[in-house]
């Protein structure tokens, strides 16, 4: 829009004065001219509009940063236009995130997630150094919300950082979050979400396992409280040292329908193992409603706290107390503690969606490459 204003003012005054004295008469004429010219030119550039704005829709993941100064969807849209790395944005009305700008990492596409109170869109133009990103609907029944619990300052932090850079494990899910007992930068745009636990536990019990039930009670309390699981078909807990392939999990979930009481996967003949746990939306709801009942039940049964790991506790809780449907999927996890086949560490089993454990980064990276055949 261009606005130009020109003002011109011209004033001319002629005054004739006749003066008479005793000796003479003199006539004088005075001319006064005033000319004023004012020119004003104003140019206003209308900011480009954002494209494909979608109400009640979130584009989770791929966060660049939170745009603190944005106070509306229009501000968020314009901030994305001005950020050369921005390929999409989400405006959260009721969340502390406010305006979140999205980049092209770790995923090469974004999932459209129906979410009340959120408006999302894409910029009207993408910087020449970046390609426009695809936004898609996940296939019905296959949307994944994935999370990992990270011990600060441990090898797990380095594993998660590499997974982000490679776009693997939880960072290939439709939405992801990293939990810890401190807020730490895990990767660009990814900060850990705080759980109320010191993340310390003893080793013991019948199976000489980590007695980490209380830790994961706190984690699940955070998952339920945040509520993001509600917008996805499945919630997946993944240990950082598990090489996890979400595309293979989706392949295994295609023919497992949701049930009113919920569904979860039993990944080992010995009972569900914790490195890789998969729960339907209704299963998480059942856990949210009934976990306290399970604590009372098993405390009474064990005459005190049962000396179990969280995987055994939640397995027993869901199947024996809350009566959530338990579906055996023994091929999805290949793990050293679950009778693995010979040479399982080569990660060439094409049926497996997760391999565990790989605590060393170079070994983890090699397993991932072999599993993906890259």
Foldseek 3Di string as FASTA:
>chain_A
DWDWDKDKDKDKDKDWDWDDDPVDTDIDIDIDIDIDIDIDIDDDDDDDDFPDKDAQKDFADQFQAQDVPDDDPRSLQRVLVVDQQFQKWKAAQPDPSGITGHGCWDHQATEIFRHHRMMMTGHPDHHPVDDHGHYYHDPPLQAEEEEEEDEPPALLLVLQQVCRNNCFDNSVGNHYAYAYQDFDDSYRRHTHDHFPDNQDFAQDAPVRHTQCQVVVVRVLVVVVVVPPLLRGFKYKYAYSQKGFHSVLVSVVRVPPDADQLWEWEFAAPVTRDDRITMTGSNLSVLCVVCVVVLQVVVCVVVVHGHSDHNRVSSRCCSVPPSNHHYHYDHQAEAEPVGPHDPPVLQLQSQNYRIYDGDSDNVSSVNNNCNNVVD
